[in-house]
Amino acid sequence: MGGVPVVVRLKRMGTLKKPHHKIVVAPSRRARDGAFLEEVGIYDPSKTPPLLKINKERVAYWAQHGAFVTPAVTRLLRLAA
């Protein structure tokens, strides 16, 4: 990435008051809902029970290669375990 830190974070999708999220790997300087490198999961809290699908292998790969995992994604990884 040429020295730009990479982060694993949530990308907000959906409509007003009905959000769902994609878990993405993106350069840290990009906007929250901007372009990303790879989608590694989805999270929809509006479902009962909440829908959570994460590719843990890809998150681990990016973390090993220097990507910062945000606290929100860390909590979701614990829930998925």
N, C-alpha and C. Protein backbone atom coordinates (compact mmCIF):
# COMPACT_ATOMS: atom_id res chain seq x y z
N MET A 1 0.82 -1.20 0.00
CA MET A 1 0.00 0.00 0.00
C MET A 1 0.85 1.25 0.00
N GLY A 2 2.16 1.14 -0.12
CA GLY A 2 2.98 2.32 -0.22
C GLY A 2 3.08 3.12 1.07
N GLY A 3 3.00 2.45 2.23
CA GLY A 3 3.15 3.15 3.49
C GLY A 3 1.85 3.67 4.10
N VAL A 4 0.74 3.59 3.38
CA VAL A 4 -0.53 4.03 3.94
C VAL A 4 -1.09 2.88 4.79
N PRO A 5 -1.34 3.12 6.08
CA PRO A 5 -1.85 2.05 6.94
C PRO A 5 -3.20 1.53 6.44
N VAL A 6 -3.39 0.25 6.66
CA VAL A 6 -4.64 -0.42 6.26
C VAL A 6 -5.40 -0.77 7.52
N VAL A 7 -6.72 -0.68 7.44
CA VAL A 7 -7.56 -0.92 8.60
C VAL A 7 -8.72 -1.84 8.24
N VAL A 8 -9.10 -2.71 9.19
CA VAL A 8 -10.28 -3.57 9.03
C VAL A 8 -11.38 -2.89 9.83
N ARG A 9 -12.44 -2.44 9.15
CA ARG A 9 -13.47 -1.65 9.82
C ARG A 9 -14.85 -1.90 9.21
N LEU A 10 -15.85 -1.27 9.81
CA LEU A 10 -17.22 -1.37 9.33
C LEU A 10 -17.50 -0.30 8.29
N LYS A 11 -18.22 -0.68 7.25
CA LYS A 11 -18.70 0.26 6.24
C LYS A 11 -20.21 0.27 6.36
N ARG A 12 -20.79 1.43 6.64
CA ARG A 12 -22.23 1.51 6.86
C ARG A 12 -22.96 1.48 5.54
N MET A 13 -24.02 0.69 5.50
CA MET A 13 -24.88 0.56 4.33
C MET A 13 -26.32 0.71 4.83
N GLY A 14 -27.28 0.63 3.93
CA GLY A 14 -28.67 0.66 4.32
C GLY A 14 -29.27 2.05 4.29
N THR A 15 -30.47 2.15 4.82
CA THR A 15 -31.19 3.41 4.81
C THR A 15 -31.23 4.02 6.19
N LEU A 16 -31.85 5.19 6.28
CA LEU A 16 -31.97 5.88 7.55
C LEU A 16 -32.69 5.00 8.56
N LYS A 17 -32.09 4.82 9.71
CA LYS A 17 -32.62 4.02 10.82
C LYS A 17 -32.73 2.53 10.52
N LYS A 18 -32.18 2.07 9.40
CA LYS A 18 -32.15 0.64 9.08
C LYS A 18 -30.76 0.27 8.56
N PRO A 19 -29.74 0.46 9.41
CA PRO A 19 -28.38 0.23 8.92
C PRO A 19 -28.01 -1.25 8.90
N HIS A 20 -27.14 -1.60 7.98
CA HIS A 20 -26.40 -2.84 8.04
C HIS A 20 -24.97 -2.49 7.63
N HIS A 21 -24.05 -3.38 7.88
CA HIS A 21 -22.65 -3.04 7.70
C HIS A 21 -21.92 -4.12 6.91
N LYS A 22 -20.93 -3.69 6.15
CA LYS A 22 -19.97 -4.60 5.55
C LYS A 22 -18.69 -4.46 6.37
N ILE A 23 -18.01 -5.57 6.58
CA ILE A 23 -16.72 -5.53 7.24
C ILE A 23 -15.69 -5.53 6.12
N VAL A 24 -14.92 -4.45 6.03
CA VAL A 24 -14.03 -4.26 4.89
C VAL A 24 -12.60 -3.96 5.34
N VAL A 25 -11.67 -4.21 4.41
CA VAL A 25 -10.28 -3.83 4.58
C VAL A 25 -10.08 -2.62 3.68
N ALA A 26 -9.64 -1.50 4.26
CA ALA A 26 -9.52 -0.26 3.49
C ALA A 26 -8.31 0.54 3.96
N PRO A 27 -7.78 1.38 3.08
CA PRO A 27 -6.73 2.32 3.53
C PRO A 27 -7.32 3.24 4.59
N SER A 28 -6.56 3.54 5.62
CA SER A 28 -7.10 4.32 6.73
C SER A 28 -7.47 5.74 6.34
N ARG A 29 -6.91 6.26 5.28
CA ARG A 29 -7.22 7.64 4.88
C ARG A 29 -8.48 7.75 4.04
N ARG A 30 -9.05 6.64 3.63
CA ARG A 30 -10.29 6.67 2.86
C ARG A 30 -11.46 7.00 3.77
N ALA A 31 -12.54 7.52 3.17
CA ALA A 31 -13.76 7.81 3.93
C ALA A 31 -14.35 6.50 4.46
N ARG A 32 -15.11 6.61 5.52
CA ARG A 32 -15.71 5.42 6.15
C ARG A 32 -16.47 4.57 5.15
N ASP A 33 -17.24 5.21 4.28
CA ASP A 33 -18.05 4.47 3.32
C ASP A 33 -17.46 4.51 1.91
N GLY A 34 -16.17 4.83 1.82
CA GLY A 34 -15.52 4.95 0.52
C GLY A 34 -15.01 3.63 -0.02
N ALA A 35 -14.08 3.73 -0.96
CA ALA A 35 -13.51 2.56 -1.61
C ALA A 35 -12.76 1.68 -0.61
N PHE A 36 -12.71 0.39 -0.89
CA PHE A 36 -12.03 -0.54 0.00
C PHE A 36 -11.26 -1.57 -0.83
N LEU A 37 -10.39 -2.31 -0.17
CA LEU A 37 -9.57 -3.30 -0.84
C LEU A 37 -10.27 -4.65 -0.93
N GLU A 38 -10.93 -5.05 0.15
CA GLU A 38 -11.57 -6.36 0.19
C GLU A 38 -12.70 -6.36 1.20
N GLU A 39 -13.79 -7.04 0.86
CA GLU A 39 -14.89 -7.25 1.81
C GLU A 39 -14.67 -8.59 2.50
N VAL A 40 -14.64 -8.58 3.83
CA VAL A 40 -14.37 -9.81 4.57
C VAL A 40 -15.55 -10.27 5.43
N GLY A 41 -16.67 -9.55 5.39
CA GLY A 41 -17.82 -10.01 6.15
C GLY A 41 -18.98 -9.03 6.09
N ILE A 42 -20.09 -9.46 6.71
CA ILE A 42 -21.28 -8.62 6.80
C ILE A 42 -21.84 -8.70 8.23
N TYR A 43 -22.52 -7.63 8.64
CA TYR A 43 -23.16 -7.57 9.95
C TYR A 43 -24.46 -6.80 9.80
N ASP A 44 -25.57 -7.44 10.17
CA ASP A 44 -26.88 -6.79 10.09
C ASP A 44 -27.55 -6.90 11.46
N PRO A 45 -27.48 -5.84 12.28
CA PRO A 45 -28.07 -5.89 13.61
C PRO A 45 -29.59 -5.82 13.63
N SER A 46 -30.22 -5.49 12.51
CA SER A 46 -31.68 -5.36 12.49
C SER A 46 -32.39 -6.71 12.41
N LYS A 47 -31.68 -7.76 12.06
CA LYS A 47 -32.28 -9.10 12.01
C LYS A 47 -32.40 -9.66 13.42
N THR A 48 -33.26 -10.66 13.57
CA THR A 48 -33.40 -11.33 14.87
C THR A 48 -33.15 -12.81 14.67
N PRO A 49 -32.06 -13.39 15.16
CA PRO A 49 -30.90 -12.76 15.79
C PRO A 49 -30.06 -12.01 14.77
N PRO A 50 -29.17 -11.13 15.22
CA PRO A 50 -28.35 -10.36 14.28
C PRO A 50 -27.55 -11.26 13.34
N LEU A 51 -27.51 -10.88 12.07
CA LEU A 51 -26.77 -11.63 11.06
C LEU A 51 -25.31 -11.22 11.12
N LEU A 52 -24.42 -12.20 11.26
CA LEU A 52 -22.99 -11.93 11.34
C LEU A 52 -22.24 -13.01 10.59
N LYS A 53 -21.56 -12.63 9.52
CA LYS A 53 -20.73 -13.56 8.75
C LYS A 53 -19.37 -12.90 8.55
N ILE A 54 -18.32 -13.56 9.04
CA ILE A 54 -16.97 -13.02 8.92
C ILE A 54 -16.04 -14.10 8.41
N ASN A 55 -15.20 -13.76 7.44
CA ASN A 55 -14.16 -14.64 6.97
C ASN A 55 -12.94 -14.42 7.88
N LYS A 56 -12.85 -15.20 8.95
CA LYS A 56 -11.82 -15.01 9.97
C LYS A 56 -10.41 -15.21 9.41
N GLU A 57 -10.28 -16.11 8.43
CA GLU A 57 -8.97 -16.37 7.84
C GLU A 57 -8.44 -15.12 7.14
N ARG A 58 -9.31 -14.42 6.40
CA ARG A 58 -8.88 -13.20 5.70
C ARG A 58 -8.57 -12.07 6.68
N VAL A 59 -9.35 -11.96 7.77
CA VAL A 59 -9.07 -10.94 8.78
C VAL A 59 -7.71 -11.23 9.42
N ALA A 60 -7.44 -12.51 9.73
CA ALA A 60 -6.15 -12.88 10.31
C ALA A 60 -5.01 -12.59 9.33
N TYR A 61 -5.23 -12.86 8.05
CA TYR A 61 -4.21 -12.58 7.03
C TYR A 61 -3.86 -11.09 7.03
N TRP A 62 -4.89 -10.25 6.99
CA TRP A 62 -4.63 -8.80 6.94
C TRP A 62 -3.99 -8.31 8.23
N ALA A 63 -4.41 -8.87 9.37
CA ALA A 63 -3.81 -8.47 10.65
C ALA A 63 -2.33 -8.86 10.70
N GLN A 64 -1.98 -10.03 10.17
CA GLN A 64 -0.58 -10.45 10.13
C GLN A 64 0.25 -9.55 9.23
N HIS A 65 -0.38 -8.95 8.24
CA HIS A 65 0.32 -8.09 7.30
C HIS A 65 0.23 -6.61 7.69
N GLY A 66 -0.10 -6.34 8.95
CA GLY A 66 -0.02 -4.98 9.47
C GLY A 66 -1.31 -4.18 9.50
N ALA A 67 -2.43 -4.79 9.17
CA ALA A 67 -3.70 -4.05 9.21
C ALA A 67 -4.15 -3.87 10.66
N PHE A 68 -4.65 -2.70 10.97
CA PHE A 68 -5.22 -2.41 12.29
C PHE A 68 -6.68 -2.85 12.29
N VAL A 69 -7.08 -3.61 13.30
CA VAL A 69 -8.48 -4.05 13.43
C VAL A 69 -9.16 -3.15 14.44
N THR A 70 -10.24 -2.48 14.03
CA THR A 70 -10.91 -1.53 14.91
C THR A 70 -11.57 -2.26 16.09
N PRO A 71 -11.81 -1.54 17.19
CA PRO A 71 -12.46 -2.17 18.34
C PRO A 71 -13.84 -2.76 18.02
N ALA A 72 -14.61 -2.11 17.16
CA ALA A 72 -15.94 -2.64 16.81
C ALA A 72 -15.81 -3.99 16.11
N VAL A 73 -14.87 -4.12 15.19
CA VAL A 73 -14.68 -5.38 14.48
C VAL A 73 -14.13 -6.44 15.44
N THR A 74 -13.27 -6.04 16.38
CA THR A 74 -12.75 -6.98 17.37
C THR A 74 -13.89 -7.57 18.20
N ARG A 75 -14.86 -6.73 18.60
CA ARG A 75 -16.02 -7.23 19.36
C ARG A 75 -16.83 -8.20 18.51
N LEU A 76 -17.02 -7.90 17.24
CA LEU A 76 -17.78 -8.80 16.37
C LEU A 76 -17.04 -10.12 16.17
N LEU A 77 -15.72 -10.08 16.09
CA LEU A 77 -14.94 -11.32 15.97
C LEU A 77 -15.12 -12.20 17.20
N ARG A 78 -15.18 -11.57 18.38
CA ARG A 78 -15.42 -12.35 19.59
C ARG A 78 -16.81 -12.98 19.59
N LEU A 79 -17.82 -12.23 19.08
CA LEU A 79 -19.17 -12.77 19.01
C LEU A 79 -19.26 -13.93 18.03
N ALA A 80 -18.49 -13.88 16.95
CA ALA A 80 -18.53 -14.92 15.93
C ALA A 80 -17.82 -16.19 16.36
N ALA A 81 -17.00 -16.11 17.39
CA ALA A 81 -16.22 -17.27 17.83
C ALA A 81 -17.06 -18.35 18.46
